[in-house]
Amino acid sequence: MTTFRSEDMLVGVIGLALLPLIGWRIVRGLREGRLPIYRTYLTREEGRAKFNTLLGLHALSFLIVAAVAADLLFNLGLRDRI
């Protein structure tokens, strides 16, 4: 049976593993000017405001996942402060 701390560690490691994938999408979006949306892509030329909003959401999700992973792995206590 898993304990509460081991579940935190597992979820933290999964969150940590997601960071390169999200980061890769952000870098690819900045370099190539396209971001994936479900089964298609949104390019910078199609709509600059939409593209920048989606890129900002990707960056925000990167920061949130990084904060949650750090909190779970290093027991920072961010969950208790919120």
N, C-alpha and C. Protein backbone atom coordinates (compact mmCIF):
# COMPACT_ATOMS: atom_id res chain seq x y z
N MET A 1 0.84 -1.18 0.00
CA MET A 1 0.00 0.00 0.00
C MET A 1 0.89 1.24 0.00
N THR A 2 0.50 2.24 -0.77
CA THR A 2 1.31 3.45 -0.84
C THR A 2 0.93 4.40 0.28
N THR A 3 1.89 5.17 0.69
CA THR A 3 1.64 6.16 1.72
C THR A 3 1.42 7.51 1.07
N PHE A 4 1.00 8.46 1.87
CA PHE A 4 0.72 9.80 1.37
C PHE A 4 1.96 10.43 0.75
N ARG A 5 3.11 10.26 1.40
CA ARG A 5 4.35 10.85 0.89
C ARG A 5 4.78 10.20 -0.41
N SER A 6 4.61 8.89 -0.55
CA SER A 6 5.02 8.25 -1.79
C SER A 6 4.11 8.66 -2.95
N GLU A 7 2.84 8.93 -2.66
CA GLU A 7 1.96 9.44 -3.70
C GLU A 7 2.38 10.84 -4.13
N ASP A 8 2.77 11.67 -3.18
CA ASP A 8 3.28 13.00 -3.51
C ASP A 8 4.52 12.91 -4.39
N MET A 9 5.41 12.00 -4.05
CA MET A 9 6.63 11.83 -4.83
C MET A 9 6.31 11.37 -6.26
N LEU A 10 5.38 10.43 -6.39
CA LEU A 10 5.01 9.93 -7.71
C LEU A 10 4.42 11.03 -8.57
N VAL A 11 3.49 11.78 -8.02
CA VAL A 11 2.87 12.87 -8.78
C VAL A 11 3.90 13.97 -9.08
N GLY A 12 4.81 14.23 -8.15
CA GLY A 12 5.86 15.21 -8.40
C GLY A 12 6.79 14.80 -9.52
N VAL A 13 7.14 13.52 -9.57
CA VAL A 13 8.01 13.02 -10.64
C VAL A 13 7.28 13.07 -11.98
N ILE A 14 6.00 12.75 -12.00
CA ILE A 14 5.23 12.85 -13.24
C ILE A 14 5.16 14.30 -13.71
N GLY A 15 4.94 15.22 -12.78
CA GLY A 15 4.93 16.64 -13.14
C GLY A 15 6.27 17.10 -13.66
N LEU A 16 7.34 16.61 -13.03
CA LEU A 16 8.69 16.95 -13.47
C LEU A 16 8.96 16.40 -14.87
N ALA A 17 8.42 15.22 -15.16
CA ALA A 17 8.59 14.62 -16.49
C ALA A 17 7.82 15.38 -17.56
N LEU A 18 6.76 16.08 -17.19
CA LEU A 18 5.98 16.85 -18.16
C LEU A 18 6.65 18.16 -18.56
N LEU A 19 7.52 18.66 -17.71
CA LEU A 19 8.15 19.97 -17.99
C LEU A 19 8.91 20.03 -19.31
N PRO A 20 9.72 19.02 -19.65
CA PRO A 20 10.39 19.11 -20.97
C PRO A 20 9.42 19.11 -22.14
N LEU A 21 8.32 18.40 -22.01
CA LEU A 21 7.34 18.38 -23.10
C LEU A 21 6.69 19.75 -23.30
N ILE A 22 6.31 20.37 -22.20
CA ILE A 22 5.70 21.70 -22.29
C ILE A 22 6.74 22.71 -22.78
N GLY A 23 7.96 22.61 -22.26
CA GLY A 23 9.03 23.51 -22.69
C GLY A 23 9.35 23.35 -24.16
N TRP A 24 9.32 22.10 -24.65
CA TRP A 24 9.59 21.85 -26.06
C TRP A 24 8.53 22.51 -26.93
N ARG A 25 7.27 22.47 -26.50
CA ARG A 25 6.21 23.14 -27.25
C ARG A 25 6.43 24.65 -27.30
N ILE A 26 6.85 25.22 -26.19
CA ILE A 26 7.09 26.66 -26.14
C ILE A 26 8.24 27.04 -27.07
N VAL A 27 9.34 26.32 -26.98
CA VAL A 27 10.50 26.61 -27.83
C VAL A 27 10.16 26.42 -29.30
N ARG A 28 9.46 25.34 -29.62
CA ARG A 28 9.07 25.10 -31.01
C ARG A 28 8.13 26.20 -31.50
N GLY A 29 7.24 26.66 -30.62
CA GLY A 29 6.35 27.74 -31.02
C GLY A 29 7.09 29.03 -31.31
N LEU A 30 8.11 29.32 -30.51
CA LEU A 30 8.89 30.53 -30.74
C LEU A 30 9.75 30.42 -31.99
N ARG A 31 10.33 29.25 -32.22
CA ARG A 31 11.20 29.06 -33.39
C ARG A 31 10.43 28.96 -34.69
N GLU A 32 9.47 28.03 -34.72
CA GLU A 32 8.78 27.74 -35.97
C GLU A 32 7.52 28.58 -36.19
N GLY A 33 7.02 29.20 -35.13
CA GLY A 33 5.83 30.03 -35.27
C GLY A 33 4.55 29.24 -35.38
N ARG A 34 4.51 28.03 -34.78
CA ARG A 34 3.28 27.25 -34.79
C ARG A 34 3.15 26.47 -33.48
N LEU A 35 1.91 26.37 -33.01
CA LEU A 35 1.61 25.65 -31.78
C LEU A 35 0.50 24.65 -32.05
N PRO A 36 0.58 23.47 -31.45
CA PRO A 36 -0.45 22.47 -31.68
C PRO A 36 -1.75 22.78 -30.94
N ILE A 37 -2.84 22.57 -31.63
CA ILE A 37 -4.17 22.65 -31.03
C ILE A 37 -4.89 21.38 -31.48
N TYR A 38 -5.08 20.48 -30.57
CA TYR A 38 -5.71 19.19 -30.80
C TYR A 38 -5.05 18.49 -31.99
N ARG A 39 -5.69 18.40 -33.14
CA ARG A 39 -5.10 17.70 -34.29
C ARG A 39 -4.60 18.65 -35.37
N THR A 40 -4.59 19.91 -35.09
CA THR A 40 -4.14 20.89 -36.06
C THR A 40 -3.13 21.82 -35.40
N TYR A 41 -2.68 22.81 -36.13
CA TYR A 41 -1.71 23.76 -35.61
C TYR A 41 -2.21 25.18 -35.83
N LEU A 42 -1.84 26.05 -34.93
CA LEU A 42 -2.11 27.48 -35.07
C LEU A 42 -0.79 28.14 -35.39
N THR A 43 -0.73 28.86 -36.50
CA THR A 43 0.51 29.53 -36.87
C THR A 43 0.43 31.00 -36.48
N ARG A 44 1.60 31.60 -36.40
CA ARG A 44 1.69 33.00 -36.03
C ARG A 44 1.02 33.88 -37.09
N GLU A 45 1.10 33.47 -38.36
CA GLU A 45 0.52 34.27 -39.45
C GLU A 45 -1.00 34.25 -39.43
N GLU A 46 -1.61 33.15 -38.93
CA GLU A 46 -3.07 33.05 -38.92
C GLU A 46 -3.70 34.04 -37.96
N GLY A 47 -3.06 34.26 -36.84
CA GLY A 47 -3.60 35.19 -35.86
C GLY A 47 -2.58 35.44 -34.77
N ARG A 48 -1.99 36.60 -34.80
CA ARG A 48 -0.93 36.92 -33.85
C ARG A 48 -1.44 36.95 -32.42
N ALA A 49 -2.62 37.50 -32.20
CA ALA A 49 -3.17 37.59 -30.84
C ALA A 49 -3.50 36.20 -30.29
N LYS A 50 -4.11 35.36 -31.13
CA LYS A 50 -4.42 34.00 -30.70
C LYS A 50 -3.14 33.22 -30.39
N PHE A 51 -2.15 33.37 -31.26
CA PHE A 51 -0.89 32.67 -31.08
C PHE A 51 -0.20 33.11 -29.79
N ASN A 52 -0.14 34.40 -29.55
CA ASN A 52 0.50 34.92 -28.34
C ASN A 52 -0.25 34.50 -27.08
N THR A 53 -1.58 34.46 -27.16
CA THR A 53 -2.38 34.01 -26.01
C THR A 53 -2.10 32.54 -25.72
N LEU A 54 -2.09 31.73 -26.75
CA LEU A 54 -1.81 30.31 -26.57
C LEU A 54 -0.39 30.07 -26.06
N LEU A 55 0.55 30.83 -26.55
CA LEU A 55 1.93 30.73 -26.08
C LEU A 55 2.02 31.14 -24.61
N GLY A 56 1.30 32.18 -24.24
CA GLY A 56 1.26 32.61 -22.84
C GLY A 56 0.64 31.56 -21.93
N LEU A 57 -0.40 30.89 -22.41
CA LEU A 57 -1.03 29.82 -21.64
C LEU A 57 -0.08 28.63 -21.46
N HIS A 58 0.69 28.34 -22.49
CA HIS A 58 1.69 27.28 -22.37
C HIS A 58 2.74 27.66 -21.32
N ALA A 59 3.19 28.90 -21.35
CA ALA A 59 4.19 29.35 -20.37
C ALA A 59 3.61 29.32 -18.96
N LEU A 60 2.37 29.72 -18.80
CA LEU A 60 1.71 29.69 -17.50
C LEU A 60 1.57 28.25 -16.99
N SER A 61 1.19 27.34 -17.88
CA SER A 61 1.07 25.94 -17.46
C SER A 61 2.43 25.37 -17.07
N PHE A 62 3.50 25.79 -17.76
CA PHE A 62 4.85 25.35 -17.40
C PHE A 62 5.19 25.80 -15.98
N LEU A 63 4.90 27.04 -15.67
CA LEU A 63 5.20 27.56 -14.34
C LEU A 63 4.37 26.88 -13.25
N ILE A 64 3.11 26.64 -13.53
CA ILE A 64 2.25 25.99 -12.54
C ILE A 64 2.68 24.55 -12.29
N VAL A 65 2.96 23.81 -13.34
CA VAL A 65 3.41 22.42 -13.18
C VAL A 65 4.75 22.38 -12.46
N ALA A 66 5.64 23.31 -12.77
CA ALA A 66 6.94 23.36 -12.09
C ALA A 66 6.77 23.65 -10.60
N ALA A 67 5.88 24.56 -10.26
CA ALA A 67 5.64 24.88 -8.85
C ALA A 67 5.03 23.71 -8.10
N VAL A 68 4.06 23.03 -8.72
CA VAL A 68 3.43 21.88 -8.07
C VAL A 68 4.43 20.75 -7.90
N ALA A 69 5.23 20.48 -8.93
CA ALA A 69 6.22 19.41 -8.84
C ALA A 69 7.25 19.71 -7.76
N ALA A 70 7.71 20.96 -7.69
CA ALA A 70 8.69 21.33 -6.66
C ALA A 70 8.08 21.22 -5.27
N ASP A 71 6.83 21.62 -5.13
CA ASP A 71 6.16 21.52 -3.84
C ASP A 71 6.02 20.07 -3.39
N LEU A 72 5.64 19.21 -4.31
CA LEU A 72 5.44 17.81 -3.96
C LEU A 72 6.76 17.08 -3.71
N LEU A 73 7.78 17.40 -4.49
CA LEU A 73 9.05 16.68 -4.34
C LEU A 73 9.86 17.16 -3.14
N PHE A 74 9.82 18.46 -2.88
CA PHE A 74 10.67 19.03 -1.83
C PHE A 74 9.89 19.44 -0.59
N ASN A 75 8.58 19.16 -0.58
CA ASN A 75 7.74 19.45 0.57
C ASN A 75 7.88 20.91 1.02
N LEU A 76 7.65 21.82 0.09
CA LEU A 76 7.81 23.25 0.34
C LEU A 76 6.66 23.85 1.14
N GLY A 77 5.53 23.19 1.17
CA GLY A 77 4.39 23.69 1.93
C GLY A 77 3.56 24.71 1.19
N LEU A 78 3.69 24.78 -0.12
CA LEU A 78 2.90 25.75 -0.89
C LEU A 78 1.41 25.42 -0.84
N ARG A 79 1.08 24.15 -0.74
CA ARG A 79 -0.31 23.73 -0.68
C ARG A 79 -0.99 24.28 0.58
N ASP A 80 -0.27 24.32 1.67
CA ASP A 80 -0.84 24.81 2.92
C ASP A 80 -1.01 26.32 2.94
N ARG A 81 -0.19 27.04 2.18
CA ARG A 81 -0.26 28.51 2.15
C ARG A 81 -1.39 29.04 1.30
N ILE A 82 -1.85 28.23 0.36
CA ILE A 82 -2.90 28.70 -0.57
C ILE A 82 -4.26 28.50 0.01
